[in-house]
C-alpha atoms as a PDB file:
ATOM      1  CA  UNK A   1     105.494  -0.702  77.541  1.00  0.00           C
ATOM      2  CA  UNK A   2     101.837  -1.028  77.935  1.00  0.00           C
ATOM      3  CA  UNK A   3     100.522  -4.545  78.464  1.00  0.00           C
ATOM      4  CA  UNK A   4      97.756  -6.030  76.215  1.00  0.00           C
ATOM      5  CA  UNK A   5      95.231  -5.406  78.816  1.00  0.00           C
ATOM      6  CA  UNK A   6      96.053  -1.813  78.769  1.00  0.00           C
ATOM      7  CA  UNK A   7      95.330  -1.683  75.343  1.00  0.00           C
ATOM      8  CA  UNK A   8      91.999  -3.618  75.223  1.00  0.00           C
ATOM      9  CA  UNK A   9      88.842  -1.614  74.084  1.00  0.00           C
ATOM     10  CA  UNK A  10      86.632  -0.645  76.752  1.00  0.00           C
ATOM     11  CA  UNK A  11      83.224   0.790  75.985  1.00  0.00           C
ATOM     12  CA  UNK A  12      82.553   4.047  77.610  1.00  0.00           C
ATOM     13  CA  UNK A  13      80.002   3.896  80.416  1.00  0.00           C
ATOM     14  CA  UNK A  14      77.060   6.004  80.072  1.00  0.00           C
ATOM     15  CA  UNK A  15      74.193   6.795  82.379  1.00  0.00           C
ATOM     16  CA  UNK A  16      70.426   5.644  81.917  1.00  0.00           C
ATOM     17  CA  UNK A  17      69.256   9.155  81.486  1.00  0.00           C
ATOM     18  CA  UNK A  18      72.030   9.525  78.685  1.00  0.00           C
ATOM     19  CA  UNK A  19      70.681   6.473  76.675  1.00  0.00           C
ATOM     20  CA  UNK A  20      66.902   7.399  77.357  1.00  0.00           C
ATOM     21  CA  UNK A  21      67.501  10.806  75.946  1.00  0.00           C
ATOM     22  CA  UNK A  22      69.606   9.174  73.075  1.00  0.00           C
ATOM     23  CA  UNK A  23      66.839   6.741  72.212  1.00  0.00           C
ATOM     24  CA  UNK A  24      64.004   9.651  72.337  1.00  0.00           C
ATOM     25  CA  UNK A  25      66.582  11.824  70.153  1.00  0.00           C
ATOM     26  CA  UNK A  26      66.965   9.212  67.417  1.00  0.00           C
ATOM     27  CA  UNK A  27      63.185   8.642  67.406  1.00  0.00           C
ATOM     28  CA  UNK A  28      62.117  12.405  67.048  1.00  0.00           C
ATOM     29  CA  UNK A  29      64.384  12.541  63.901  1.00  0.00           C
ATOM     30  CA  UNK A  30      62.772   9.420  62.497  1.00  0.00           C
ATOM     31  CA  UNK A  31      59.393  10.834  62.991  1.00  0.00           C
ATOM     32  CA  UNK A  32      60.430  14.363  61.469  1.00  0.00           C
ATOM     33  CA  UNK A  33      61.754  12.553  58.587  1.00  0.00           C
ATOM     34  CA  UNK A  34      58.670  10.823  57.920  1.00  0.00           C
ATOM     35  CA  UNK A  35      56.923  14.182  58.162  1.00  0.00           C
ATOM     36  CA  UNK A  36      59.281  15.655  55.331  1.00  0.00           C
ATOM     37  CA  UNK A  37      58.814  12.690  53.309  1.00  0.00           C
ATOM     38  CA  UNK A  38      55.205  12.573  53.437  1.00  0.00           C
ATOM     39  CA  UNK A  39      53.741  15.134  50.797  1.00  0.00           C
ATOM     40  CA  UNK A  40      50.309  14.755  52.460  1.00  0.00           C
ATOM     41  CA  UNK A  41      51.828  15.983  55.794  1.00  0.00           C
ATOM     42  CA  UNK A  42      53.642  18.866  54.051  1.00  0.00           C
ATOM     43  CA  UNK A  43      50.674  19.921  52.561  1.00  0.00           C
ATOM     44  CA  UNK A  44      48.793  19.923  55.711  1.00  0.00           C
ATOM     45  CA  UNK A  45      51.516  22.127  57.252  1.00  0.00           C
ATOM     46  CA  UNK A  46      51.546  24.847  54.338  1.00  0.00           C
ATOM     47  CA  UNK A  47      48.104  24.633  52.572  1.00  0.00           C
ATOM     48  CA  UNK A  48      45.630  23.968  55.647  1.00  0.00           C
ATOM     49  CA  UNK A  49      46.657  26.964  57.484  1.00  0.00           C
ATOM     50  CA  UNK A  50      46.183  29.172  54.308  1.00  0.00           C
ATOM     51  CA  UNK A  51      42.574  27.488  53.477  1.00  0.00           C
ATOM     52  CA  UNK A  52      41.260  27.875  57.090  1.00  0.00           C
ATOM     53  CA  UNK A  53      42.426  31.580  57.558  1.00  0.00           C
ATOM     54  CA  UNK A  54      41.162  32.834  53.988  1.00  0.00           C
ATOM     55  CA  UNK A  55      37.860  30.904  53.964  1.00  0.00           C
ATOM     56  CA  UNK A  56      36.984  32.082  57.951  1.00  0.00           C
ATOM     57  CA  UNK A  57      38.253  35.358  56.998  1.00  0.00           C
ATOM     58  CA  UNK A  58      36.147  36.219  54.195  1.00  0.00           C
ATOM     59  CA  UNK A  59      33.214  33.978  54.474  1.00  0.00           C
ATOM     60  CA  UNK A  60      32.517  34.938  58.077  1.00  0.00           C
ATOM     61  CA  UNK A  61      34.237  38.286  58.542  1.00  0.00           C
ATOM     62  CA  UNK A  62      31.354  40.660  57.602  1.00  0.00           C
ATOM     63  CA  UNK A  63      28.732  38.434  59.239  1.00  0.00           C
ATOM     64  CA  UNK A  64      29.887  38.310  62.982  1.00  0.00           C
ATOM     65  CA  UNK A  65      30.029  40.981  65.488  1.00  0.00           C
ATOM     66  CA  UNK A  66      32.828  40.678  67.737  1.00  0.00           C
ATOM     67  CA  UNK A  67      32.537  44.036  69.678  1.00  0.00           C
ATOM     68  CA  UNK A  68      35.358  46.445  69.211  1.00  0.00           C
ATOM     69  CA  UNK A  69      37.862  44.085  67.746  1.00  0.00           C
ATOM     70  CA  UNK A  70      37.912  43.403  64.172  1.00  0.00           C
ATOM     71  CA  UNK A  71      36.798  39.885  63.231  1.00  0.00           C
ATOM     72  CA  UNK A  72      40.300  39.177  61.727  1.00  0.00           C
ATOM     73  CA  UNK A  73      41.956  39.867  64.992  1.00  0.00           C
ATOM     74  CA  UNK A  74      39.249  37.768  66.976  1.00  0.00           C
ATOM     75  CA  UNK A  75      39.875  35.045  64.454  1.00  0.00           C
ATOM     76  CA  UNK A  76      43.844  34.487  64.531  1.00  0.00           C
ATOM     77  CA  UNK A  77      43.868  33.049  68.111  1.00  0.00           C
ATOM     78  CA  UNK A  78      40.814  30.600  67.477  1.00  0.00           C
ATOM     79  CA  UNK A  79      42.396  29.392  64.117  1.00  0.00           C
ATOM     80  CA  UNK A  80      45.918  28.679  65.896  1.00  0.00           C
ATOM     81  CA  UNK A  81      44.267  26.552  68.434  1.00  0.00           C
ATOM     82  CA  UNK A  82      42.075  24.740  66.047  1.00  0.00           C
ATOM     83  CA  UNK A  83      44.842  23.842  63.802  1.00  0.00           C
ATOM     84  CA  UNK A  84      46.955  22.762  66.359  1.00  0.00           C
ATOM     85  CA  UNK A  85      44.236  20.594  67.842  1.00  0.00           C
ATOM     86  CA  UNK A  86      43.652  18.833  64.219  1.00  0.00           C
ATOM     87  CA  UNK A  87      47.544  18.711  63.459  1.00  0.00           C
ATOM     88  CA  UNK A  88      47.742  16.731  66.605  1.00  0.00           C
ATOM     89  CA  UNK A  89      45.961  14.081  65.162  1.00  0.00           C
ATOM     90  CA  UNK A  90      48.908  12.879  63.101  1.00  0.00           C
ATOM     91  CA  UNK A  91      50.483  11.831  66.426  1.00  0.00           C
ATOM     92  CA  UNK A  92      47.571   9.201  66.724  1.00  0.00           C
ATOM     93  CA  UNK A  93      47.879   8.107  63.046  1.00  0.00           C
ATOM     94  CA  UNK A  94      51.442   7.781  63.289  1.00  0.00           C
ATOM     95  CA  UNK A  95      51.352   5.590  66.457  1.00  0.00           C
ATOM     96  CA  UNK A  96      48.613   3.482  64.886  1.00  0.00           C
ATOM     97  CA  UNK A  97      50.610   3.124  61.848  1.00  0.00           C
ATOM     98  CA  UNK A  98      53.423   1.714  63.595  1.00  0.00           C
ATOM     99  CA  UNK A  99      51.325  -0.685  65.923  1.00  0.00           C
ATOM    100  CA  UNK A 100      49.494  -2.167  62.679  1.00  0.00           C
ATOM    101  CA  UNK A 101      53.081  -2.753  60.612  1.00  0.00           C
ATOM    102  CA  UNK A 102      54.593  -4.282  63.598  1.00  0.00           C
ATOM    103  CA  UNK A 103      57.423  -1.769  63.683  1.00  0.00           C
ATOM    104  CA  UNK A 104      56.576  -1.549  67.516  1.00  0.00           C
ATOM    105  CA  UNK A 105      57.523  -5.146  68.135  1.00  0.00           C
ATOM    106  CA  UNK A 106      60.603  -4.651  66.362  1.00  0.00           C
ATOM    107  CA  UNK A 107      61.607  -1.715  68.609  1.00  0.00           C
ATOM    108  CA  UNK A 108      60.340  -3.839  71.805  1.00  0.00           C
ATOM    109  CA  UNK A 109      63.204  -6.296  70.870  1.00  0.00           C
ATOM    110  CA  UNK A 110      66.072  -3.631  70.761  1.00  0.00           C
ATOM    111  CA  UNK A 111      67.980  -2.684  74.065  1.00  0.00           C
ATOM    112  CA  UNK A 112      66.118   0.949  74.023  1.00  0.00           C
ATOM    113  CA  UNK A 113      63.483   3.061  76.093  1.00  0.00           C
ATOM    114  CA  UNK A 114      60.096   1.685  74.906  1.00  0.00           C
ATOM    115  CA  UNK A 115      58.162   4.955  75.465  1.00  0.00           C
ATOM    116  CA  UNK A 116      60.831   6.711  73.183  1.00  0.00           C
ATOM    117  CA  UNK A 117      58.544   5.833  70.104  1.00  0.00           C
ATOM    118  CA  UNK A 118      55.739   8.106  71.902  1.00  0.00           C
ATOM    119  CA  UNK A 119      58.111  10.705  72.423  1.00  0.00           C
ATOM    120  CA  UNK A 120      59.479  10.642  68.983  1.00  0.00           C
ATOM    121  CA  UNK A 121      55.827  11.210  67.463  1.00  0.00           C
ATOM    122  CA  UNK A 122      54.523  13.719  69.736  1.00  0.00           C
ATOM    123  CA  UNK A 123      57.822  16.008  69.665  1.00  0.00           C
ATOM    124  CA  UNK A 124      57.912  15.699  65.832  1.00  0.00           C
ATOM    125  CA  UNK A 125      54.462  16.626  65.451  1.00  0.00           C
ATOM    126  CA  UNK A 126      55.152  19.532  67.809  1.00  0.00           C
ATOM    127  CA  UNK A 127      57.803  20.867  65.403  1.00  0.00           C
ATOM    128  CA  UNK A 128      55.280  20.354  62.523  1.00  0.00           C
ATOM    129  CA  UNK A 129      52.703  22.335  64.033  1.00  0.00           C
ATOM    130  CA  UNK A 130      54.800  25.268  64.836  1.00  0.00           C
ATOM    131  CA  UNK A 131      55.863  25.656  61.185  1.00  0.00           C
ATOM    132  CA  UNK A 132      52.050  25.513  60.545  1.00  0.00           C
ATOM    133  CA  UNK A 133      51.325  28.126  63.350  1.00  0.00           C
ATOM    134  CA  UNK A 134      54.137  30.486  61.906  1.00  0.00           C
ATOM    135  CA  UNK A 135      52.475  30.083  58.446  1.00  0.00           C
ATOM    136  CA  UNK A 136      49.162  30.816  59.780  1.00  0.00           C
ATOM    137  CA  UNK A 137      50.134  34.150  61.352  1.00  0.00           C
ATOM    138  CA  UNK A 138      51.995  35.238  58.148  1.00  0.00           C
ATOM    139  CA  UNK A 139      48.751  34.599  56.069  1.00  0.00           C
ATOM    140  CA  UNK A 140      46.902  36.530  59.087  1.00  0.00           C
ATOM    141  CA  UNK A 141      49.020  39.466  58.710  1.00  0.00           C
ATOM    142  CA  UNK A 142      48.830  39.429  54.968  1.00  0.00           C
ATOM    143  CA  UNK A 143      44.868  39.580  55.300  1.00  0.00           C
ATOM    144  CA  UNK A 144      44.635  42.005  57.944  1.00  0.00           C
ATOM    145  CA  UNK A 145      45.535  40.951  61.201  1.00  0.00           C
ATOM    146  CA  UNK A 146      47.216  43.836  63.370  1.00  0.00           C
ATOM    147  CA  UNK A 147      48.511  42.326  66.539  1.00  0.00           C
ATOM    148  CA  UNK A 148      49.518  44.599  69.378  1.00  0.00           C
ATOM    149  CA  UNK A 149      51.539  42.132  71.575  1.00  0.00           C
ATOM    150  CA  UNK A 150      55.099  42.942  72.405  1.00  0.00           C
ATOM    151  CA  UNK A 151      57.889  40.612  72.337  1.00  0.00           C
ATOM    152  CA  UNK A 152      57.274  39.227  75.912  1.00  0.00           C
ATOM    153  CA  UNK A 153      53.512  38.840  74.897  1.00  0.00           C
ATOM    154  CA  UNK A 154      54.542  36.949  71.869  1.00  0.00           C
ATOM    155  CA  UNK A 155      56.716  34.773  73.900  1.00  0.00           C
ATOM    156  CA  UNK A 156      53.976  33.840  76.053  1.00  0.00           C
ATOM    157  CA  UNK A 157      51.460  33.269  73.095  1.00  0.00           C
ATOM    158  CA  UNK A 158      54.032  30.808  71.644  1.00  0.00           C
ATOM    159  CA  UNK A 159      54.599  29.036  75.012  1.00  0.00           C
ATOM    160  CA  UNK A 160      50.956  28.460  75.596  1.00  0.00           C
ATOM    161  CA  UNK A 161      50.625  27.263  71.911  1.00  0.00           C
ATOM    162  CA  UNK A 162      53.226  24.808  72.243  1.00  0.00           C
ATOM    163  CA  UNK A 163      52.171  23.448  75.606  1.00  0.00           C
ATOM    164  CA  UNK A 164      48.520  23.127  74.309  1.00  0.00           C
ATOM    165  CA  UNK A 165      49.877  21.685  71.274  1.00  0.00           C
ATOM    166  CA  UNK A 166      52.184  19.097  72.886  1.00  0.00           C
ATOM    167  CA  UNK A 167      49.235  18.110  75.538  1.00  0.00           C
ATOM    168  CA  UNK A 168      47.075  17.487  72.635  1.00  0.00           C
ATOM    169  CA  UNK A 169      49.713  15.188  71.103  1.00  0.00           C
ATOM    170  CA  UNK A 170      49.733  13.111  73.875  1.00  0.00           C
ATOM    171  CA  UNK A 171      46.216  13.165  74.131  1.00  0.00           C
ATOM    172  CA  UNK A 172      45.982  11.853  70.634  1.00  0.00           C
ATOM    173  CA  UNK A 173      48.629   9.218  71.439  1.00  0.00           C
ATOM    174  CA  UNK A 174      45.931   7.532  73.581  1.00  0.00           C
ATOM    175  CA  UNK A 175      43.544   7.304  70.618  1.00  0.00           C
ATOM    176  CA  UNK A 176      46.582   5.849  68.506  1.00  0.00           C
ATOM    177  CA  UNK A 177      46.982   3.235  71.262  1.00  0.00           C
ATOM    178  CA  UNK A 178      43.248   2.445  71.526  1.00  0.00           C
ATOM    179  CA  UNK A 179      42.185   2.510  68.051  1.00  0.00           C
ATOM    180  CA  UNK A 180      42.259  -1.113  66.111  1.00  0.00           C
ATOM    181  CA  UNK A 181      42.803   0.487  62.654  1.00  0.00           C
ATOM    182  CA  UNK A 182      43.812   3.517  60.794  1.00  0.00           C
ATOM    183  CA  UNK A 183      40.149   4.476  60.079  1.00  0.00           C
ATOM    184  CA  UNK A 184      39.442   4.171  63.462  1.00  0.00           C
ATOM    185  CA  UNK A 185      42.101   6.784  64.321  1.00  0.00           C
ATOM    186  CA  UNK A 186      40.665   9.288  61.828  1.00  0.00           C
ATOM    187  CA  UNK A 187      36.893   9.133  63.269  1.00  0.00           C
ATOM    188  CA  UNK A 188      38.114   8.912  66.803  1.00  0.00           C
ATOM    189  CA  UNK A 189      40.171  12.147  66.478  1.00  0.00           C
ATOM    190  CA  UNK A 190      37.586  13.914  64.240  1.00  0.00           C
ATOM    191  CA  UNK A 191      34.862  13.129  66.825  1.00  0.00           C
ATOM    192  CA  UNK A 192      36.801  14.476  69.797  1.00  0.00           C
ATOM    193  CA  UNK A 193      38.433  17.367  68.158  1.00  0.00           C
ATOM    194  CA  UNK A 194      35.591  19.094  66.196  1.00  0.00           C
ATOM    195  CA  UNK A 195      33.262  19.444  68.799  1.00  0.00           C
ATOM    196  CA  UNK A 196      35.424  21.247  71.347  1.00  0.00           C
ATOM    197  CA  UNK A 197      36.969  23.231  69.002  1.00  0.00           C
ATOM    198  CA  UNK A 198      33.847  24.622  67.338  1.00  0.00           C
ATOM    199  CA  UNK A 199      31.918  24.673  70.546  1.00  0.00           C
ATOM    200  CA  UNK A 200      34.241  27.257  71.974  1.00  0.00           C
ATOM    201  CA  UNK A 201      34.917  30.937  71.555  1.00  0.00           C
ATOM    202  CA  UNK A 202      37.345  30.022  68.356  1.00  0.00           C
ATOM    203  CA  UNK A 203      35.428  31.759  65.693  1.00  0.00           C
ATOM    204  CA  UNK A 204      32.275  33.367  67.690  1.00  0.00           C
ATOM    205  CA  UNK A 205      31.727  35.095  70.626  1.00  0.00           C
ATOM    206  CA  UNK A 206      29.881  32.581  73.156  1.00  0.00           C
ATOM    207  CA  UNK A 207      27.334  35.463  74.244  1.00  0.00           C
ATOM    208  CA  UNK A 208      24.933  34.328  71.670  1.00  0.00           C
ATOM    209  CA  UNK A 209      24.892  30.730  72.069  1.00  0.00           C
ATOM    210  CA  UNK A 210      21.970  28.639  73.771  1.00  0.00           C
ATOM    211  CA  UNK A 211      22.324  28.707  77.288  1.00  0.00           C
ATOM    212  CA  UNK A 212      23.828  25.263  77.896  1.00  0.00           C
ATOM    213  CA  UNK A 213      25.885  25.262  75.043  1.00  0.00           C
ATOM    214  CA  UNK A 214      27.383  28.693  76.273  1.00  0.00           C
ATOM    215  CA  UNK A 215      27.831  27.162  79.705  1.00  0.00           C
ATOM    216  CA  UNK A 216      30.078  24.687  78.292  1.00  0.00           C
ATOM    217  CA  UNK A 217      31.869  26.718  75.589  1.00  0.00           C
ATOM    218  CA  UNK A 218      33.094  29.137  78.178  1.00  0.00           C
ATOM    219  CA  UNK A 219      34.333  26.575  80.568  1.00  0.00           C
ATOM    220  CA  UNK A 220      36.044  23.873  78.597  1.00  0.00           C
ATOM    221  CA  UNK A 221      39.946  24.144  77.854  1.00  0.00           C
ATOM    222  CA  UNK A 222      40.233  25.184  74.481  1.00  0.00           C
ATOM    223  CA  UNK A 223      38.121  28.373  75.121  1.00  0.00           C
ATOM    224  CA  UNK A 224      40.293  29.386  78.092  1.00  0.00           C
ATOM    225  CA  UNK A 225      43.523  28.862  75.871  1.00  0.00           C
ATOM    226  CA  UNK A 226      42.150  30.775  73.066  1.00  0.00           C
ATOM    227  CA  UNK A 227      41.054  33.599  75.269  1.00  0.00           C
ATOM    228  CA  UNK A 228      44.656  33.802  76.923  1.00  0.00           C
ATOM    229  CA  UNK A 229      46.063  33.863  73.282  1.00  0.00           C
ATOM    230  CA  UNK A 230      43.594  36.481  72.145  1.00  0.00           C
ATOM    231  CA  UNK A 231      43.991  38.667  74.963  1.00  0.00           C
ATOM    232  CA  UNK A 232      47.782  38.632  74.429  1.00  0.00           C
ATOM    233  CA  UNK A 233      47.749  39.449  70.703  1.00  0.00           C
ATOM    234  CA  UNK A 234      45.195  42.244  70.859  1.00  0.00           C
ATOM    235  CA  UNK A 235      46.197  44.070  74.091  1.00  0.00           C
ATOM    236  CA  UNK A 236      43.161  43.165  76.020  1.00  0.00           C
ATOM    237  CA  UNK A 237      43.648  42.173  79.892  1.00  0.00           C
ATOM    238  CA  UNK A 238      44.209  38.300  80.353  1.00  0.00           C
ATOM    239  CA  UNK A 239      42.475  37.941  83.566  1.00  0.00           C
ATOM    240  CA  UNK A 240      41.897  34.496  84.610  1.00  0.00           C
ATOM    241  CA  UNK A 241      42.627  32.939  81.524  1.00  0.00           C
ATOM    242  CA  UNK A 242      46.189  32.876  81.710  1.00  0.00           C
ATOM    243  CA  UNK A 243      46.242  30.426  84.786  1.00  0.00           C
ATOM    244  CA  UNK A 244      43.406  28.594  83.718  1.00  0.00           C
ATOM    245  CA  UNK A 245      45.007  27.712  80.149  1.00  0.00           C
ATOM    246  CA  UNK A 246      48.393  26.962  81.919  1.00  0.00           C
ATOM    247  CA  UNK A 247      46.308  24.800  84.434  1.00  0.00           C
ATOM    248  CA  UNK A 248      44.345  22.961  81.795  1.00  0.00           C
ATOM    249  CA  UNK A 249      47.311  22.289  79.566  1.00  0.00           C
ATOM    250  CA  UNK A 250      49.356  21.032  82.357  1.00  0.00           C
ATOM    251  CA  UNK A 251      46.623  18.795  83.814  1.00  0.00           C
ATOM    252  CA  UNK A 252      46.066  17.273  80.320  1.00  0.00           C
ATOM    253  CA  UNK A 253      49.469  16.748  79.676  1.00  0.00           C
ATOM    254  CA  UNK A 254      50.423  14.960  82.992  1.00  0.00           C
ATOM    255  CA  UNK A 255      47.659  12.526  82.747  1.00  0.00           C
ATOM    256  CA  UNK A 256      47.671  11.815  79.049  1.00  0.00           C
ATOM    257  CA  UNK A 257      51.387  10.984  79.357  1.00  0.00           C
ATOM    258  CA  UNK A 258      50.752   8.521  82.115  1.00  0.00           C
ATOM    259  CA  UNK A 259      47.969   6.885  80.432  1.00  0.00           C
ATOM    260  CA  UNK A 260      49.599   6.717  77.055  1.00  0.00           C
ATOM    261  CA  UNK A 261      52.754   4.962  78.766  1.00  0.00           C
ATOM    262  CA  UNK A 262      50.671   2.477  80.548  1.00  0.00           C
ATOM    263  CA  UNK A 263      48.449   1.659  77.502  1.00  0.00           C
ATOM    264  CA  UNK A 264      51.826   1.445  75.308  1.00  0.00           C
ATOM    265  CA  UNK A 265      53.076  -1.225  77.854  1.00  0.00           C
ATOM    266  CA  UNK A 266      49.797  -3.044  77.805  1.00  0.00           C
ATOM    267  CA  UNK A 267      49.402  -3.081  74.092  1.00  0.00           C
ATOM    268  CA  UNK A 268      53.327  -4.241  73.611  1.00  0.00           C
ATOM    269  CA  UNK A 269      53.994  -6.548  76.356  1.00  0.00           C
ATOM    270  CA  UNK A 270      57.607  -7.776  76.884  1.00  0.00           C
END
C-alpha cells in the first residue's frame, strides 16, 4: 500500500528552455489574435497588396523602360519588399501600444521571459506579412506576372522574403520602444521606410537616377534583397545579390534583436 508521501502531487520539472519557448508561443498566439480581431489590420493584409499592385502596374506600367523584362515582372519583387517593410511597422505599433497601456508592466510581474513580448509581436507580424505576400503574388499573376522560377527558386524567394521581413520587424521593435506615443511610432516608421523603399530598384531601374542617389540606391540593403528576389523570379543570374541580401538581413536581425532586448530591459525595469 502506498504511503501518503507517495501520492503527493509533484509538479513536473521543466527546463528553462521549455518555459522560454512556452512563453514565446503564448504571446505569439496573443499577437496573432489581435491581428485577426483588428479589422484595420485585416484590411491591410488583403486590400493593401491589391491596391499597390494594381496602382503601380497600370499607372507606371507603360511609362518605365525596364529593358528586356516586362514591367509587371520587374515590379513584383519591389512590391513584395515594399509591402514587407511597411507591414513590419505593425510590430512597432503593437509594442508601443502595449507600453502605453501598461500591459508590459503586468507581464513583468509574472514569472515569464520578458523578451517573449517582443518575440510575440515580431513572429505574429511575420505570419501576417506572409499572408499579404501570397495575396500580392496571386494578384500579380492575375495582371500579367509570369515568373520563370522553379520550385527550388520559389523556396529561396520566400526564404529571403521571410528573413527580410523578420529583420525589419525587429528593427521596427526598436522604434516602438523608443517612441513616446503611437503617433510618434507612425511618423518614425514612415520616415525610415519610405526613403529606403522608393530610393531603391523597387519600381524603376537605378540607371536613370542622379549620380549620388544612384550610388545610395545600388548599395543599400533593400536593393540587394529586391534584386536577389527579382533574379530568382525572372530567371536572370543572381550574382552577388544573393549573399549580399543574406548578409544584410542577418546583420540587421542580429543587431536589432540585441538593441531591442537591451532597450526593453531599460524601458521596463524590474
